[in-house]
């Protein structure tokens, strides 16, 4: 299992927050995003492994929940099951950026 750094968590929180902000602005939605707020343990032990699993699960759950809300609002198409998170982020960002121009 790969380590998850605070920088990755911050990037995830910022990106999802921007997507929600842009979606609410462009489509007058009322989406909300609760950022991940976990403190990284100082020692690399079983608590650290649990932290990594918990953060990874939260990232997946929160992102797919956000994507599902955007899909329900007909903003994005359903995503293929083989797509990774970066591809989905890019899809959402590209869609919202294009639509914001109009």
N, C-alpha and C. Protein backbone atom coordinates (compact mmCIF):
# COMPACT_ATOMS: atom_id res chain seq x y z
N UNK A 1 0.85 -1.18 0.00
CA UNK A 1 0.00 0.00 0.00
C UNK A 1 0.90 1.24 0.00
N UNK A 2 0.63 2.17 -0.88
CA UNK A 2 1.42 3.39 -0.97
C UNK A 2 1.07 4.34 0.18
N UNK A 3 2.08 5.08 0.60
CA UNK A 3 1.85 6.10 1.61
C UNK A 3 1.07 7.25 1.00
N UNK A 4 0.28 7.91 1.81
CA UNK A 4 -0.47 9.08 1.38
C UNK A 4 0.08 10.26 2.16
N UNK A 5 0.63 11.21 1.45
CA UNK A 5 1.25 12.36 2.10
C UNK A 5 0.21 13.46 2.34
N UNK A 6 0.56 14.36 3.23
CA UNK A 6 -0.32 15.50 3.51
C UNK A 6 -0.50 16.34 2.25
N UNK A 7 0.53 16.40 1.43
CA UNK A 7 0.46 17.16 0.18
C UNK A 7 -0.61 16.57 -0.75
N UNK A 8 -0.70 15.25 -0.80
CA UNK A 8 -1.72 14.59 -1.62
C UNK A 8 -3.12 14.86 -1.07
N UNK A 9 -3.25 14.82 0.23
CA UNK A 9 -4.56 15.10 0.86
C UNK A 9 -4.97 16.54 0.58
N UNK A 10 -4.02 17.47 0.71
CA UNK A 10 -4.32 18.88 0.44
C UNK A 10 -4.72 19.08 -1.02
N UNK A 11 -4.00 18.43 -1.93
CA UNK A 11 -4.34 18.52 -3.36
C UNK A 11 -5.74 17.99 -3.60
N UNK A 12 -6.06 16.86 -3.02
CA UNK A 12 -7.39 16.26 -3.17
C UNK A 12 -8.46 17.21 -2.64
N UNK A 13 -8.26 17.71 -1.41
CA UNK A 13 -9.24 18.62 -0.81
C UNK A 13 -9.43 19.88 -1.64
N UNK A 14 -8.32 20.47 -2.09
CA UNK A 14 -8.40 21.70 -2.89
C UNK A 14 -9.09 21.46 -4.23
N UNK A 15 -8.75 20.36 -4.90
CA UNK A 15 -9.34 20.08 -6.19
C UNK A 15 -10.84 19.82 -6.08
N UNK A 16 -11.23 19.00 -5.13
CA UNK A 16 -12.66 18.74 -4.95
C UNK A 16 -13.41 20.00 -4.55
N UNK A 17 -12.81 20.82 -3.71
CA UNK A 17 -13.45 22.08 -3.31
C UNK A 17 -13.64 23.00 -4.51
N UNK A 18 -12.64 23.06 -5.39
CA UNK A 18 -12.75 23.88 -6.60
C UNK A 18 -13.84 23.36 -7.53
N UNK A 19 -13.93 22.05 -7.66
CA UNK A 19 -14.97 21.45 -8.51
C UNK A 19 -16.35 21.79 -7.96
N UNK A 20 -16.52 21.68 -6.65
CA UNK A 20 -17.80 22.00 -6.02
C UNK A 20 -18.12 23.49 -6.20
N UNK A 21 -17.14 24.34 -5.96
CA UNK A 21 -17.34 25.78 -6.09
C UNK A 21 -17.73 26.15 -7.52
N UNK A 22 -17.03 25.60 -8.49
CA UNK A 22 -17.31 25.88 -9.89
C UNK A 22 -18.68 25.32 -10.30
N UNK A 23 -18.99 24.13 -9.84
CA UNK A 23 -20.29 23.51 -10.16
C UNK A 23 -21.43 24.34 -9.59
N UNK A 24 -21.28 24.78 -8.36
CA UNK A 24 -22.32 25.59 -7.74
C UNK A 24 -22.49 26.93 -8.46
N UNK A 25 -21.38 27.50 -8.89
CA UNK A 25 -21.43 28.79 -9.58
C UNK A 25 -22.05 28.66 -10.97
N UNK A 26 -21.59 27.67 -11.75
CA UNK A 26 -22.05 27.53 -13.13
C UNK A 26 -23.47 27.01 -13.21
N UNK A 27 -23.80 26.06 -12.35
CA UNK A 27 -25.11 25.39 -12.46
C UNK A 27 -26.07 25.72 -11.34
N UNK A 28 -25.68 26.63 -10.46
CA UNK A 28 -26.55 27.03 -9.35
C UNK A 28 -26.99 25.81 -8.53
N UNK A 29 -26.04 24.93 -8.28
CA UNK A 29 -26.30 23.75 -7.45
C UNK A 29 -26.00 24.08 -6.00
N UNK A 30 -26.29 23.16 -5.13
CA UNK A 30 -25.99 23.34 -3.72
C UNK A 30 -25.15 22.17 -3.22
N UNK A 31 -24.06 21.88 -3.94
CA UNK A 31 -23.18 20.79 -3.55
C UNK A 31 -22.30 21.23 -2.40
N UNK A 32 -21.92 20.27 -1.57
CA UNK A 32 -21.04 20.54 -0.45
C UNK A 32 -19.91 19.50 -0.48
N UNK A 33 -18.75 19.90 0.03
CA UNK A 33 -17.63 18.98 0.14
C UNK A 33 -17.00 19.14 1.51
N UNK A 34 -16.96 18.04 2.25
CA UNK A 34 -16.30 18.03 3.55
C UNK A 34 -14.88 17.51 3.35
N UNK A 35 -13.88 18.36 3.55
CA UNK A 35 -12.50 17.92 3.31
C UNK A 35 -12.06 16.83 4.27
N UNK A 36 -11.07 16.10 3.86
CA UNK A 36 -10.48 15.07 4.71
C UNK A 36 -9.61 15.78 5.74
N UNK A 37 -9.82 15.46 6.99
CA UNK A 37 -9.07 16.10 8.07
C UNK A 37 -8.51 15.02 8.98
N UNK A 38 -7.45 14.39 8.54
CA UNK A 38 -6.81 13.33 9.31
C UNK A 38 -5.39 13.75 9.64
N UNK A 39 -4.95 13.44 10.83
CA UNK A 39 -3.59 13.74 11.24
C UNK A 39 -2.71 12.51 11.03
N UNK A 40 -1.62 12.69 10.33
CA UNK A 40 -0.70 11.60 10.05
C UNK A 40 0.03 11.20 11.33
N UNK A 41 0.01 9.90 11.66
CA UNK A 41 0.76 9.44 12.84
C UNK A 41 2.26 9.68 12.66
N UNK A 42 2.95 9.89 13.75
CA UNK A 42 4.38 10.16 13.68
C UNK A 42 5.20 8.90 13.43
N UNK A 43 4.73 7.78 13.91
CA UNK A 43 5.48 6.53 13.77
C UNK A 43 4.87 5.66 12.68
N UNK A 44 5.72 4.93 12.01
CA UNK A 44 5.27 4.00 10.96
C UNK A 44 4.99 2.67 11.64
N UNK A 45 3.73 2.46 12.04
CA UNK A 45 3.33 1.24 12.74
C UNK A 45 1.93 0.85 12.29
N UNK A 46 1.25 0.04 13.06
CA UNK A 46 -0.10 -0.39 12.68
C UNK A 46 -1.07 0.78 12.62
N UNK A 47 -0.87 1.80 13.46
CA UNK A 47 -1.72 2.98 13.40
C UNK A 47 -1.53 3.72 12.08
N UNK A 48 -0.29 3.73 11.61
CA UNK A 48 -0.01 4.39 10.33
C UNK A 48 -0.68 3.64 9.19
N UNK A 49 -0.63 2.33 9.22
CA UNK A 49 -1.29 1.53 8.19
C UNK A 49 -2.79 1.78 8.19
N UNK A 50 -3.37 1.87 9.36
CA UNK A 50 -4.80 2.14 9.47
C UNK A 50 -5.11 3.54 8.95
N UNK A 51 -4.24 4.50 9.22
CA UNK A 51 -4.40 5.87 8.73
C UNK A 51 -4.41 5.89 7.20
N UNK A 52 -3.45 5.19 6.58
CA UNK A 52 -3.36 5.16 5.12
C UNK A 52 -4.62 4.54 4.52
N UNK A 53 -5.08 3.43 5.09
CA UNK A 53 -6.31 2.79 4.60
C UNK A 53 -7.52 3.71 4.76
N UNK A 54 -7.62 4.37 5.91
CA UNK A 54 -8.76 5.26 6.17
C UNK A 54 -8.78 6.44 5.21
N UNK A 55 -7.64 7.06 5.00
CA UNK A 55 -7.57 8.22 4.10
C UNK A 55 -7.87 7.79 2.67
N UNK A 56 -7.32 6.66 2.24
CA UNK A 56 -7.58 6.17 0.88
C UNK A 56 -9.07 5.87 0.70
N UNK A 57 -9.69 5.27 1.68
CA UNK A 57 -11.13 4.99 1.61
C UNK A 57 -11.94 6.28 1.56
N UNK A 58 -11.55 7.27 2.39
CA UNK A 58 -12.26 8.55 2.39
C UNK A 58 -12.13 9.25 1.05
N UNK A 59 -10.92 9.24 0.49
CA UNK A 59 -10.71 9.88 -0.81
C UNK A 59 -11.61 9.26 -1.86
N UNK A 60 -11.63 7.96 -1.91
CA UNK A 60 -12.45 7.27 -2.91
C UNK A 60 -13.92 7.55 -2.69
N UNK A 61 -14.37 7.42 -1.46
CA UNK A 61 -15.78 7.62 -1.14
C UNK A 61 -16.24 9.05 -1.43
N UNK A 62 -15.47 10.02 -0.99
CA UNK A 62 -15.85 11.42 -1.19
C UNK A 62 -15.83 11.80 -2.66
N UNK A 63 -14.82 11.33 -3.38
CA UNK A 63 -14.73 11.70 -4.78
C UNK A 63 -15.84 11.05 -5.60
N UNK A 64 -16.07 9.76 -5.39
CA UNK A 64 -17.13 9.11 -6.16
C UNK A 64 -18.51 9.63 -5.77
N UNK A 65 -18.67 10.06 -4.52
CA UNK A 65 -19.92 10.70 -4.12
C UNK A 65 -20.13 12.01 -4.86
N UNK A 66 -19.07 12.80 -4.96
CA UNK A 66 -19.13 14.06 -5.71
C UNK A 66 -19.41 13.79 -7.18
N UNK A 67 -18.72 12.82 -7.74
CA UNK A 67 -18.93 12.49 -9.15
C UNK A 67 -20.37 12.02 -9.38
N UNK A 68 -20.90 11.24 -8.47
CA UNK A 68 -22.28 10.74 -8.59
C UNK A 68 -23.27 11.91 -8.57
N UNK A 69 -23.02 12.91 -7.71
CA UNK A 69 -23.89 14.09 -7.68
C UNK A 69 -23.84 14.85 -9.00
N UNK A 70 -22.65 14.99 -9.57
CA UNK A 70 -22.52 15.68 -10.86
C UNK A 70 -23.15 14.87 -11.98
N UNK A 71 -23.03 13.56 -11.88
CA UNK A 71 -23.66 12.69 -12.89
C UNK A 71 -25.19 12.78 -12.79
N UNK A 72 -25.71 12.82 -11.57
CA UNK A 72 -27.16 12.94 -11.37
C UNK A 72 -27.71 14.26 -11.90
N UNK A 73 -26.88 15.31 -11.86
CA UNK A 73 -27.29 16.62 -12.37
C UNK A 73 -27.04 16.72 -13.88
N UNK A 74 -26.62 15.63 -14.49
CA UNK A 74 -26.36 15.55 -15.94
C UNK A 74 -25.26 16.50 -16.38
N UNK A 75 -24.27 16.67 -15.52
CA UNK A 75 -23.13 17.52 -15.86
C UNK A 75 -22.03 16.69 -16.50
N UNK A 76 -21.84 15.48 -16.03
CA UNK A 76 -20.84 14.58 -16.59
C UNK A 76 -21.49 13.26 -16.96
N UNK A 77 -20.86 12.58 -17.91
CA UNK A 77 -21.34 11.26 -18.32
C UNK A 77 -20.88 10.23 -17.31
N UNK A 78 -21.57 9.08 -17.27
CA UNK A 78 -21.08 8.01 -16.39
C UNK A 78 -19.65 7.63 -16.78
N UNK A 79 -18.86 7.36 -15.79
CA UNK A 79 -17.46 7.06 -16.02
C UNK A 79 -17.26 5.56 -16.21
N UNK A 80 -16.40 5.15 -17.13
CA UNK A 80 -16.11 3.73 -17.26
C UNK A 80 -15.47 3.20 -15.98
N UNK A 81 -15.72 1.96 -15.65
CA UNK A 81 -15.23 1.39 -14.40
C UNK A 81 -13.71 1.29 -14.35
N UNK A 82 -13.05 1.31 -15.51
CA UNK A 82 -11.60 1.17 -15.53
C UNK A 82 -10.86 2.49 -15.42
N UNK A 83 -11.57 3.61 -15.35
CA UNK A 83 -10.93 4.93 -15.27
C UNK A 83 -10.34 5.14 -13.88
N UNK A 84 -9.24 5.87 -13.81
CA UNK A 84 -8.66 6.17 -12.51
C UNK A 84 -9.08 7.56 -12.05
N UNK A 85 -8.74 7.90 -10.84
CA UNK A 85 -9.20 9.17 -10.26
C UNK A 85 -8.72 10.38 -11.04
N UNK A 86 -7.48 10.35 -11.53
CA UNK A 86 -6.97 11.50 -12.29
C UNK A 86 -7.76 11.71 -13.57
N UNK A 87 -8.13 10.63 -14.24
CA UNK A 87 -8.94 10.75 -15.46
C UNK A 87 -10.30 11.35 -15.15
N UNK A 88 -10.89 10.94 -14.04
CA UNK A 88 -12.20 11.46 -13.66
C UNK A 88 -12.10 12.93 -13.27
N UNK A 89 -11.05 13.30 -12.52
CA UNK A 89 -10.83 14.70 -12.19
C UNK A 89 -10.73 15.53 -13.46
N UNK A 90 -9.94 15.06 -14.41
CA UNK A 90 -9.76 15.79 -15.67
C UNK A 90 -11.07 15.92 -16.44
N UNK A 91 -11.86 14.86 -16.45
CA UNK A 91 -13.16 14.89 -17.13
C UNK A 91 -14.06 15.95 -16.53
N UNK A 92 -14.16 15.96 -15.22
CA UNK A 92 -15.02 16.94 -14.54
C UNK A 92 -14.49 18.35 -14.77
N UNK A 93 -13.20 18.54 -14.57
CA UNK A 93 -12.60 19.86 -14.73
C UNK A 93 -12.77 20.38 -16.15
N UNK A 94 -12.52 19.54 -17.15
CA UNK A 94 -12.68 19.96 -18.54
C UNK A 94 -14.12 20.30 -18.86
N UNK A 95 -15.04 19.50 -18.39
CA UNK A 95 -16.47 19.75 -18.64
C UNK A 95 -16.89 21.08 -18.03
N UNK A 96 -16.54 21.30 -16.77
CA UNK A 96 -16.96 22.53 -16.11
C UNK A 96 -16.27 23.76 -16.71
N UNK A 97 -15.01 23.62 -17.08
CA UNK A 97 -14.30 24.74 -17.69
C UNK A 97 -14.92 25.12 -19.04
N UNK A 98 -15.26 24.12 -19.84
CA UNK A 98 -15.90 24.40 -21.14
C UNK A 98 -17.25 25.06 -20.94
N UNK A 99 -18.03 24.55 -20.00
CA UNK A 99 -19.37 25.08 -19.79
C UNK A 99 -19.34 26.48 -19.18
N UNK A 100 -18.30 26.78 -18.44
CA UNK A 100 -18.19 28.10 -17.82
C UNK A 100 -18.01 29.19 -18.88
N UNK A 101 -17.45 28.83 -20.03
CA UNK A 101 -17.23 29.81 -21.08
C UNK A 101 -18.55 30.32 -21.67
N UNK A 102 -19.60 29.53 -21.56
CA UNK A 102 -20.89 29.91 -22.17
C UNK A 102 -21.66 30.72 -21.21
